[in-house]
PDB file of N, CA and C in Angstrom:
ATOM      1  N   MET A   1      28.737   9.257   5.105  1.00  0.00           N
ATOM      2  CA  MET A   1      29.435   8.326   4.028  1.00  0.00           C
ATOM      3  C   MET A   1      30.174   7.090   4.459  1.00  0.00           C
ATOM      4  N   ALA A   2      30.183   5.949   4.078  1.00  0.00           N
ATOM      5  CA  ALA A   2      31.004   4.802   4.608  1.00  0.00           C
ATOM      6  C   ALA A   2      32.103   4.956   4.473  1.00  0.00           C
ATOM      7  N   ASN A   3      33.189   4.810   5.474  1.00  0.00           N
ATOM      8  CA  ASN A   3      34.789   4.549   5.320  1.00  0.00           C
ATOM      9  C   ASN A   3      35.473   3.650   5.088  1.00  0.00           C
ATOM     10  N   SER A   4      35.235   2.635   6.017  1.00  0.00           N
ATOM     11  CA  SER A   4      36.388   1.276   5.863  1.00  0.00           C
ATOM     12  C   SER A   4      35.650   0.491   4.406  1.00  0.00           C
ATOM     13  N   PRO A   5      36.059  -0.297   4.411  1.00  0.00           N
ATOM     14  CA  PRO A   5      35.640  -1.448   3.471  1.00  0.00           C
ATOM     15  C   PRO A   5      34.979  -2.178   3.526  1.00  0.00           C
ATOM     16  N   SER A   6      34.776  -2.735   4.305  1.00  0.00           N
ATOM     17  CA  SER A   6      33.401  -3.476   5.081  1.00  0.00           C
ATOM     18  C   SER A   6      32.288  -2.695   4.834  1.00  0.00           C
ATOM     19  N   ALA A   7      32.564  -1.421   5.287  1.00  0.00           N
ATOM     20  CA  ALA A   7      31.378  -0.705   5.178  1.00  0.00           C
ATOM     21  C   ALA A   7      30.621   0.108   3.938  1.00  0.00           C
ATOM     22  N   ARG A   8      31.529  -0.075   3.555  1.00  0.00           N
ATOM     23  CA  ARG A   8      31.512   0.414   1.902  1.00  0.00           C
ATOM     24  C   ARG A   8      30.705  -0.716   0.935  1.00  0.00           C
ATOM     25  N   LYS A   9      31.392  -1.958   1.124  1.00  0.00           N
ATOM     26  CA  LYS A   9      30.414  -3.400   0.940  1.00  0.00           C
ATOM     27  C   LYS A   9      29.120  -3.588   1.407  1.00  0.00           C
ATOM     28  N   ARG A  10      29.440  -2.580   2.775  1.00  0.00           N
ATOM     29  CA  ARG A  10      27.509  -3.261   3.471  1.00  0.00           C
ATOM     30  C   ARG A  10      26.673  -2.228   2.815  1.00  0.00           C
ATOM     31  N   ALA A  11      27.053  -0.948   2.397  1.00  0.00           N
ATOM     32  CA  ALA A  11      26.095  -0.110   1.448  1.00  0.00           C
ATOM     33  C   ALA A  11      26.066  -0.530   0.269  1.00  0.00           C
ATOM     34  N   ARG A  12      26.532  -1.352  -0.535  1.00  0.00           N
ATOM     35  CA  ARG A  12      26.499  -1.378  -1.864  1.00  0.00           C
ATOM     36  C   ARG A  12      25.177  -2.766  -1.746  1.00  0.00           C
ATOM     37  N   THR A  13      25.872  -3.688  -0.705  1.00  0.00           N
ATOM     38  CA  THR A  13      24.787  -5.402  -0.484  1.00  0.00           C
ATOM     39  C   THR A  13      23.376  -4.337  -0.066  1.00  0.00           C
ATOM     40  N   GLN A  14      23.605  -3.179   0.398  1.00  0.00           N
ATOM     41  CA  GLN A  14      22.125  -2.738   1.026  1.00  0.00           C
ATOM     42  C   GLN A  14      21.068  -2.374   0.342  1.00  0.00           C
ATOM     43  N   GLU A  15      21.959  -1.540  -0.873  1.00  0.00           N
ATOM     44  CA  GLU A  15      21.626  -1.108  -1.998  1.00  0.00           C
ATOM     45  C   GLU A  15      20.463  -1.722  -2.806  1.00  0.00           C
ATOM     46  N   LYS A  16      21.384  -2.575  -2.877  1.00  0.00           N
ATOM     47  CA  LYS A  16      20.825  -3.961  -4.278  1.00  0.00           C
ATOM     48  C   LYS A  16      19.876  -4.821  -3.276  1.00  0.00           C
ATOM     49  N   ARG A  17      19.425  -5.358  -2.138  1.00  0.00           N
ATOM     50  CA  ARG A  17      18.783  -5.512  -1.537  1.00  0.00           C
ATOM     51  C   ARG A  17      17.473  -5.140  -1.650  1.00  0.00           C
ATOM     52  N   ARG A  18      17.534  -3.254  -1.562  1.00  0.00           N
ATOM     53  CA  ARG A  18      16.618  -2.512  -1.261  1.00  0.00           C
ATOM     54  C   ARG A  18      15.936  -2.321  -2.756  1.00  0.00           C
ATOM     55  N   LYS A  19      16.440  -2.208  -3.397  1.00  0.00           N
ATOM     56  CA  LYS A  19      15.949  -2.493  -5.407  1.00  0.00           C
ATOM     57  C   LYS A  19      15.151  -3.783  -5.077  1.00  0.00           C
ATOM     58  N   HIS A  20      15.377  -4.891  -4.644  1.00  0.00           N
ATOM     59  CA  HIS A  20      15.135  -5.820  -5.254  1.00  0.00           C
ATOM     60  C   HIS A  20      13.740  -6.146  -4.237  1.00  0.00           C
ATOM     61  N   ASN A  21      13.493  -5.524  -3.073  1.00  0.00           N
ATOM     62  CA  ASN A  21      12.323  -5.731  -2.071  1.00  0.00           C
ATOM     63  C   ASN A  21      11.712  -4.666  -2.269  1.00  0.00           C
ATOM     64  N   VAL A  22      11.911  -3.439  -2.974  1.00  0.00           N
ATOM     65  CA  VAL A  22      10.801  -2.794  -3.864  1.00  0.00           C
ATOM     66  C   VAL A  22      10.147  -3.170  -4.748  1.00  0.00           C
ATOM     67  N   SER A  23      10.848  -4.151  -6.086  1.00  0.00           N
ATOM     68  CA  SER A  23      10.483  -5.073  -6.844  1.00  0.00           C
ATOM     69  C   SER A  23       9.737  -5.892  -6.234  1.00  0.00           C
ATOM     70  N   GLN A  24       9.857  -6.910  -5.098  1.00  0.00           N
ATOM     71  CA  GLN A  24       8.951  -7.853  -5.205  1.00  0.00           C
ATOM     72  C   GLN A  24       7.666  -7.055  -4.378  1.00  0.00           C
ATOM     73  N   ARG A  25       8.087  -5.958  -3.615  1.00  0.00           N
ATOM     74  CA  ARG A  25       6.755  -5.424  -2.693  1.00  0.00           C
ATOM     75  C   ARG A  25       5.908  -4.721  -4.016  1.00  0.00           C
ATOM     76  N   SER A  26       6.346  -4.380  -4.989  1.00  0.00           N
ATOM     77  CA  SER A  26       5.556  -3.989  -6.125  1.00  0.00           C
ATOM     78  C   SER A  26       4.557  -4.709  -6.980  1.00  0.00           C
ATOM     79  N   MET A  27       5.220  -6.039  -6.868  1.00  0.00           N
ATOM     80  CA  MET A  27       4.862  -7.311  -7.638  1.00  0.00           C
ATOM     81  C   MET A  27       3.850  -7.727  -6.582  1.00  0.00           C
ATOM     82  N   VAL A  28       3.972  -7.555  -5.524  1.00  0.00           N
ATOM     83  CA  VAL A  28       2.271  -7.957  -4.695  1.00  0.00           C
ATOM     84  C   VAL A  28       1.119  -7.101  -4.502  1.00  0.00           C
ATOM     85  N   ARG A  29       1.283  -6.037  -4.788  1.00  0.00           N
ATOM     86  CA  ARG A  29       0.499  -4.717  -4.932  1.00  0.00           C
ATOM     87  C   ARG A  29       0.435  -5.100  -6.315  1.00  0.00           C
ATOM     88  N   THR A  30       0.623  -5.501  -7.267  1.00  0.00           N
ATOM     89  CA  THR A  30       0.026  -5.585  -8.899  1.00  0.00           C
ATOM     90  C   THR A  30      -0.597  -6.964  -8.538  1.00  0.00           C
ATOM     91  N   TYR A  31      -0.524  -7.444  -7.829  1.00  0.00           N
ATOM     92  CA  TYR A  31      -1.183  -8.647  -7.972  1.00  0.00           C
ATOM     93  C   TYR A  31      -2.634  -8.750  -7.109  1.00  0.00           C
ATOM     94  N   ILE A  32      -2.292  -7.962  -6.308  1.00  0.00           N
ATOM     95  CA  ILE A  32      -3.750  -7.199  -5.222  1.00  0.00           C
ATOM     96  C   ILE A  32      -4.446  -6.527  -6.466  1.00  0.00           C
ATOM     97  N   LYS A  33      -3.643  -5.665  -6.969  1.00  0.00           N
ATOM     98  CA  LYS A  33      -4.948  -4.619  -7.624  1.00  0.00           C
ATOM     99  C   LYS A  33      -5.288  -5.571  -8.911  1.00  0.00           C
ATOM    100  N   LYS A  34      -4.850  -6.453  -9.319  1.00  0.00           N
ATOM    101  CA  LYS A  34      -5.276  -7.324 -10.709  1.00  0.00           C
ATOM    102  C   LYS A  34      -6.928  -7.965  -9.828  1.00  0.00           C
ATOM    103  N   VAL A  35      -6.851  -8.828  -8.686  1.00  0.00           N
ATOM    104  CA  VAL A  35      -8.114  -8.875  -8.103  1.00  0.00           C
ATOM    105  C   VAL A  35      -9.080  -8.141  -8.366  1.00  0.00           C
ATOM    106  N   LEU A  36      -8.925  -6.662  -7.173  1.00  0.00           N
ATOM    107  CA  LEU A  36      -9.429  -5.747  -6.681  1.00  0.00           C
ATOM    108  C   LEU A  36     -10.137  -5.058  -8.644  1.00  0.00           C
ATOM    109  N   ALA A  37      -9.397  -5.648  -9.480  1.00  0.00           N
ATOM    110  CA  ALA A  37      -9.760  -4.688 -10.901  1.00  0.00           C
ATOM    111  C   ALA A  37     -10.879  -5.975 -11.285  1.00  0.00           C
ATOM    112  N   ALA A  38     -10.251  -6.829 -11.446  1.00  0.00           N
ATOM    113  CA  ALA A  38     -11.489  -8.487 -11.829  1.00  0.00           C
ATOM    114  C   ALA A  38     -12.886  -8.300 -10.674  1.00  0.00           C
ATOM    115  N   VAL A  39     -12.751  -7.557  -9.441  1.00  0.00           N
ATOM    116  CA  VAL A  39     -13.742  -8.020  -8.750  1.00  0.00           C
ATOM    117  C   VAL A  39     -14.936  -6.441  -9.708  1.00  0.00           C
ATOM    118  N   ALA A  40     -14.138  -5.300  -9.468  1.00  0.00           N
ATOM    119  CA  ALA A  40     -14.593  -4.061  -9.898  1.00  0.00           C
ATOM    120  C   ALA A  40     -15.550  -4.620 -11.935  1.00  0.00           C
ATOM    121  N   THR A  41     -15.002  -5.122 -12.121  1.00  0.00           N
ATOM    122  CA  THR A  41     -15.761  -5.708 -13.606  1.00  0.00           C
ATOM    123  C   THR A  41     -16.997  -6.680 -13.165  1.00  0.00           C
ATOM    124  N   GLY A  42     -17.059  -7.075 -12.401  1.00  0.00           N
ATOM    125  CA  GLY A  42     -17.939  -8.100 -11.879  1.00  0.00           C
ATOM    126  C   GLY A  42     -17.692  -9.188 -12.508  1.00  0.00           C
ATOM    127  N   ASN A  43     -16.665  -9.879 -13.238  1.00  0.00           N
ATOM    128  CA  ASN A  43     -16.128 -10.994 -13.427  1.00  0.00           C
ATOM    129  C   ASN A  43     -16.184 -12.172 -12.506  1.00  0.00           C
ATOM    130  N   ALA A  44     -17.024 -12.625 -11.888  1.00  0.00           N
ATOM    131  CA  ALA A  44     -16.390 -13.839 -10.695  1.00  0.00           C
ATOM    132  C   ALA A  44     -15.571 -14.609 -11.045  1.00  0.00           C
ATOM    133  N   GLU A  45     -15.772 -15.515 -12.091  1.00  0.00           N
ATOM    134  CA  GLU A  45     -14.229 -16.535 -12.530  1.00  0.00           C
ATOM    135  C   GLU A  45     -13.210 -15.865 -13.087  1.00  0.00           C
ATOM    136  N   GLU A  46     -12.869 -14.663 -13.305  1.00  0.00           N
ATOM    137  CA  GLU A  46     -11.508 -13.992 -13.695  1.00  0.00           C
ATOM    138  C   GLU A  46     -11.204 -12.925 -12.233  1.00  0.00           C
ATOM    139  N   ALA A  47     -12.086 -12.704 -11.750  1.00  0.00           N
ATOM    140  CA  ALA A  47     -11.861 -12.812 -10.257  1.00  0.00           C
ATOM    141  C   ALA A  47     -11.053 -13.940  -9.057  1.00  0.00           C
ATOM    142  N   ARG A  48     -11.718 -15.398  -9.338  1.00  0.00           N
ATOM    143  CA  ARG A  48     -11.193 -16.733  -8.585  1.00  0.00           C
ATOM    144  C   ARG A  48      -9.886 -16.698  -9.052  1.00  0.00           C
ATOM    145  N   THR A  49      -9.426 -16.514 -10.692  1.00  0.00           N
ATOM    146  CA  THR A  49      -8.682 -16.668 -10.593  1.00  0.00           C
ATOM    147  C   THR A  49      -7.665 -15.869 -10.617  1.00  0.00           C
ATOM    148  N   ALA A  50      -7.634 -14.985 -10.629  1.00  0.00           N
ATOM    149  CA  ALA A  50      -6.549 -13.079 -10.283  1.00  0.00           C
ATOM    150  C   ALA A  50      -6.308 -14.045  -8.873  1.00  0.00           C
ATOM    151  N   TYR A  51      -7.646 -14.242  -7.868  1.00  0.00           N
ATOM    152  CA  TYR A  51      -7.083 -14.102  -6.263  1.00  0.00           C
ATOM    153  C   TYR A  51      -6.669 -15.623  -6.340  1.00  0.00           C
ATOM    154  N   ALA A  52      -6.948 -16.961  -7.120  1.00  0.00           N
ATOM    155  CA  ALA A  52      -5.474 -17.978  -6.729  1.00  0.00           C
ATOM    156  C   ALA A  52      -4.197 -17.601  -7.150  1.00  0.00           C
ATOM    157  N   ALA A  53      -4.325 -16.771  -7.840  1.00  0.00           N
ATOM    158  CA  ALA A  53      -2.847 -16.636  -8.836  1.00  0.00           C
ATOM    159  C   ALA A  53      -2.014 -15.296  -7.211  1.00  0.00           C
ATOM    160  N   ALA A  54      -2.791 -14.548  -7.041  1.00  0.00           N
ATOM    161  CA  ALA A  54      -1.806 -13.623  -5.665  1.00  0.00           C
ATOM    162  C   ALA A  54      -1.738 -14.275  -4.985  1.00  0.00           C
ATOM    163  N   VAL A  55      -2.960 -15.824  -4.050  1.00  0.00           N
ATOM    164  CA  VAL A  55      -2.638 -16.075  -2.878  1.00  0.00           C
ATOM    165  C   VAL A  55      -0.800 -16.613  -2.854  1.00  0.00           C
ATOM    166  N   PRO A  56      -0.239 -16.941  -3.582  1.00  0.00           N
ATOM    167  CA  PRO A  56       0.989 -18.342  -3.248  1.00  0.00           C
ATOM    168  C   PRO A  56       1.902 -16.501  -3.697  1.00  0.00           C
ATOM    169  N   VAL A  57       2.224 -15.778  -4.316  1.00  0.00           N
ATOM    170  CA  VAL A  57       2.899 -14.653  -4.270  1.00  0.00           C
ATOM    171  C   VAL A  57       3.088 -14.279  -2.779  1.00  0.00           C
ATOM    172  N   VAL A  58       1.362 -13.774  -2.398  1.00  0.00           N
ATOM    173  CA  VAL A  58       1.456 -12.968  -0.914  1.00  0.00           C
ATOM    174  C   VAL A  58       1.836 -13.739   0.275  1.00  0.00           C
ATOM    175  N   ASP A  59       1.577 -15.017  -0.133  1.00  0.00           N
ATOM    176  CA  ASP A  59       2.334 -16.032   1.218  1.00  0.00           C
ATOM    177  C   ASP A  59       4.057 -16.291   0.842  1.00  0.00           C
ATOM    178  N   ARG A  60       3.834 -16.046  -0.220  1.00  0.00           N
ATOM    179  CA  ARG A  60       5.780 -16.134  -0.407  1.00  0.00           C
ATOM    180  C   ARG A  60       6.599 -14.815   0.216  1.00  0.00           C
ATOM    181  N   MET A  61       6.072 -14.057  -0.034  1.00  0.00           N
ATOM    182  CA  MET A  61       6.451 -12.676   0.352  1.00  0.00           C
ATOM    183  C   MET A  61       6.388 -12.511   2.020  1.00  0.00           C
ATOM    184  N   ALA A  62       5.567 -13.447   2.567  1.00  0.00           N
ATOM    185  CA  ALA A  62       5.337 -12.942   4.200  1.00  0.00           C
ATOM    186  C   ALA A  62       6.402 -14.084   4.594  1.00  0.00           C
ATOM    187  N   ASP A  63       6.358 -15.316   4.038  1.00  0.00           N
ATOM    188  CA  ASP A  63       7.534 -15.812   4.387  1.00  0.00           C
ATOM    189  C   ASP A  63       9.086 -15.839   4.077  1.00  0.00           C
ATOM    190  N   LYS A  64       9.422 -15.010   3.195  1.00  0.00           N
ATOM    191  CA  LYS A  64      10.075 -14.374   3.323  1.00  0.00           C
ATOM    192  C   LYS A  64      10.729 -13.151   3.883  1.00  0.00           C
ATOM    193  N   GLY A  65       9.190 -12.443   5.201  1.00  0.00           N
ATOM    194  CA  GLY A  65       9.885 -11.735   5.530  1.00  0.00           C
ATOM    195  C   GLY A  65       9.232 -10.069   4.693  1.00  0.00           C
ATOM    196  N   LEU A  66       9.365  -9.720   3.940  1.00  0.00           N
ATOM    197  CA  LEU A  66       9.335  -8.735   3.048  1.00  0.00           C
ATOM    198  C   LEU A  66       7.786  -8.000   3.579  1.00  0.00           C
ATOM    199  N   ILE A  67       6.828  -8.660   3.699  1.00  0.00           N
ATOM    200  CA  ILE A  67       5.887  -7.833   4.085  1.00  0.00           C
ATOM    201  C   ILE A  67       5.257  -8.790   5.391  1.00  0.00           C
ATOM    202  N   HIS A  68       4.675  -8.246   6.504  1.00  0.00           N
ATOM    203  CA  HIS A  68       4.300  -9.055   7.798  1.00  0.00           C
ATOM    204  C   HIS A  68       3.307 -10.290   7.831  1.00  0.00           C
ATOM    205  N   LYS A  69       3.629 -11.392   8.288  1.00  0.00           N
ATOM    206  CA  LYS A  69       2.378 -12.385   8.432  1.00  0.00           C
ATOM    207  C   LYS A  69       1.094 -11.958   8.818  1.00  0.00           C
ATOM    208  N   ASN A  70       0.440 -11.433   9.409  1.00  0.00           N
ATOM    209  CA  ASN A  70      -0.551 -10.744   9.893  1.00  0.00           C
ATOM    210  C   ASN A  70      -1.110 -10.132   8.253  1.00  0.00           C
ATOM    211  N   LYS A  71      -0.392  -9.445   7.881  1.00  0.00           N
ATOM    212  CA  LYS A  71      -0.871  -8.300   6.648  1.00  0.00           C
ATOM    213  C   LYS A  71      -1.222  -9.316   6.481  1.00  0.00           C
ATOM    214  N   ALA A  72      -0.370 -10.223   5.282  1.00  0.00           N
ATOM    215  CA  ALA A  72      -0.632 -11.061   4.199  1.00  0.00           C
ATOM    216  C   ALA A  72      -1.673 -11.781   4.715  1.00  0.00           C
ATOM    217  N   ALA A  73      -1.824 -12.354   5.916  1.00  0.00           N
ATOM    218  CA  ALA A  73      -3.661 -12.839   6.032  1.00  0.00           C
ATOM    219  C   ALA A  73      -4.505 -11.906   5.971  1.00  0.00           C
ATOM    220  N   ARG A  74      -4.469 -10.456   6.457  1.00  0.00           N
ATOM    221  CA  ARG A  74      -5.897  -9.591   6.114  1.00  0.00           C
ATOM    222  C   ARG A  74      -5.843  -9.239   4.742  1.00  0.00           C
ATOM    223  N   HIS A  75      -4.827  -9.092   3.625  1.00  0.00           N
ATOM    224  CA  HIS A  75      -5.018  -8.970   2.468  1.00  0.00           C
ATOM    225  C   HIS A  75      -6.063 -10.162   2.339  1.00  0.00           C
ATOM    226  N   LYS A  76      -5.402 -11.616   2.027  1.00  0.00           N
ATOM    227  CA  LYS A  76      -6.077 -12.568   1.318  1.00  0.00           C
ATOM    228  C   LYS A  76      -7.564 -12.785   1.711  1.00  0.00           C
ATOM    229  N   SER A  77      -7.729 -12.307   3.565  1.00  0.00           N
ATOM    230  CA  SER A  77      -9.213 -12.224   3.422  1.00  0.00           C
ATOM    231  C   SER A  77      -9.843 -11.547   3.016  1.00  0.00           C
ATOM    232  N   ARG A  78      -9.512 -10.304   3.342  1.00  0.00           N
ATOM    233  CA  ARG A  78     -10.592  -9.264   2.514  1.00  0.00           C
ATOM    234  C   ARG A  78     -10.416  -9.342   0.952  1.00  0.00           C
ATOM    235  N   LEU A  79      -9.545 -10.282   0.217  1.00  0.00           N
ATOM    236  CA  LEU A  79      -9.739 -10.520  -0.757  1.00  0.00           C
ATOM    237  C   LEU A  79     -10.529 -11.363  -1.491  1.00  0.00           C
ATOM    238  N   ASN A  80     -10.423 -12.823  -0.622  1.00  0.00           N
ATOM    239  CA  ASN A  80     -11.411 -14.126  -0.477  1.00  0.00           C
ATOM    240  C   ASN A  80     -12.649 -13.300  -0.033  1.00  0.00           C
ATOM    241  N   ALA A  81     -13.203 -12.468   0.591  1.00  0.00           N
ATOM    242  CA  ALA A  81     -14.455 -11.936   1.271  1.00  0.00           C
ATOM    243  C   ALA A  81     -15.276 -11.275  -0.173  1.00  0.00           C
ATOM    244  N   ARG A  82     -14.401 -10.365  -1.416  1.00  0.00           N
ATOM    245  CA  ARG A  82     -14.666  -9.660  -2.143  1.00  0.00           C
ATOM    246  C   ARG A  82     -15.122 -10.184  -3.207  1.00  0.00           C
ATOM    247  N   VAL A  83     -14.313 -11.624  -3.449  1.00  0.00           N
ATOM    248  CA  VAL A  83     -14.386 -12.426  -4.653  1.00  0.00           C
ATOM    249  C   VAL A  83     -15.615 -13.417  -4.234  1.00  0.00           C
ATOM    250  N   LYS A  84     -15.625 -13.936  -3.148  1.00  0.00           N
ATOM    251  CA  LYS A  84     -17.159 -14.689  -2.577  1.00  0.00           C
ATOM    252  C   LYS A  84     -18.571 -13.967  -2.681  1.00  0.00           C
ATOM    253  N   ALA A  85     -18.249 -12.587  -2.127  1.00  0.00           N
ATOM    254  CA  ALA A  85     -19.517 -11.829  -2.781  1.00  0.00           C
ATOM    255  C   ALA A  85     -20.125 -11.987  -3.792  1.00  0.00           C
ATOM    256  N   LEU A  86     -18.598 -11.374  -4.907  1.00  0.00           N
ATOM    257  CA  LEU A  86     -18.938 -11.384  -5.787  1.00  0.00           C
ATOM    258  C   LEU A  86     -19.996 -12.780  -7.127  1.00  0.00           C
ATOM    259  N   ALA A  87     -19.505 -13.275  -6.537  1.00  0.00           N
ATOM    260  CA  ALA A  87     -19.771 -15.276  -6.738  1.00  0.00           C
ATOM    261  C   ALA A  87     -21.345 -15.099  -6.354  1.00  0.00           C
ATOM    262  N   THR A  88     -21.491 -14.805  -4.830  1.00  0.00           N
ATOM    263  CA  THR A  88     -23.025 -14.712  -4.506  1.00  0.00           C
ATOM    264  C   THR A  88     -24.039 -13.933  -5.070  1.00  0.00           C
ATOM    265  N   ALA A  89     -23.465 -12.697  -5.257  1.00  0.00           N
ATOM    266  CA  ALA A  89     -24.278 -11.429  -5.962  1.00  0.00           C
ATOM    267  C   ALA A  89     -24.981 -12.153  -7.293  1.00  0.00           C
TER     268      ALA A  89
END
């Protein structure tokens, strides 16, 4: 347990930041799941719209350092591949 006043404040701050980060990470996962759900239904237009909504969110979290930029690129690439495959099928 933190003993000095500054250490106590840091503990409070870190807990607040952790809760915020958990929320943001959950939001990214939700947007990704929306794209996957749209692809699963087979609706190409809905999948494109969901993908267009997910990309800026994923990019923003990568810019903030919440997820690694390569992980963001990997997610976008894989989602885009699924959306494109759905459109051509």
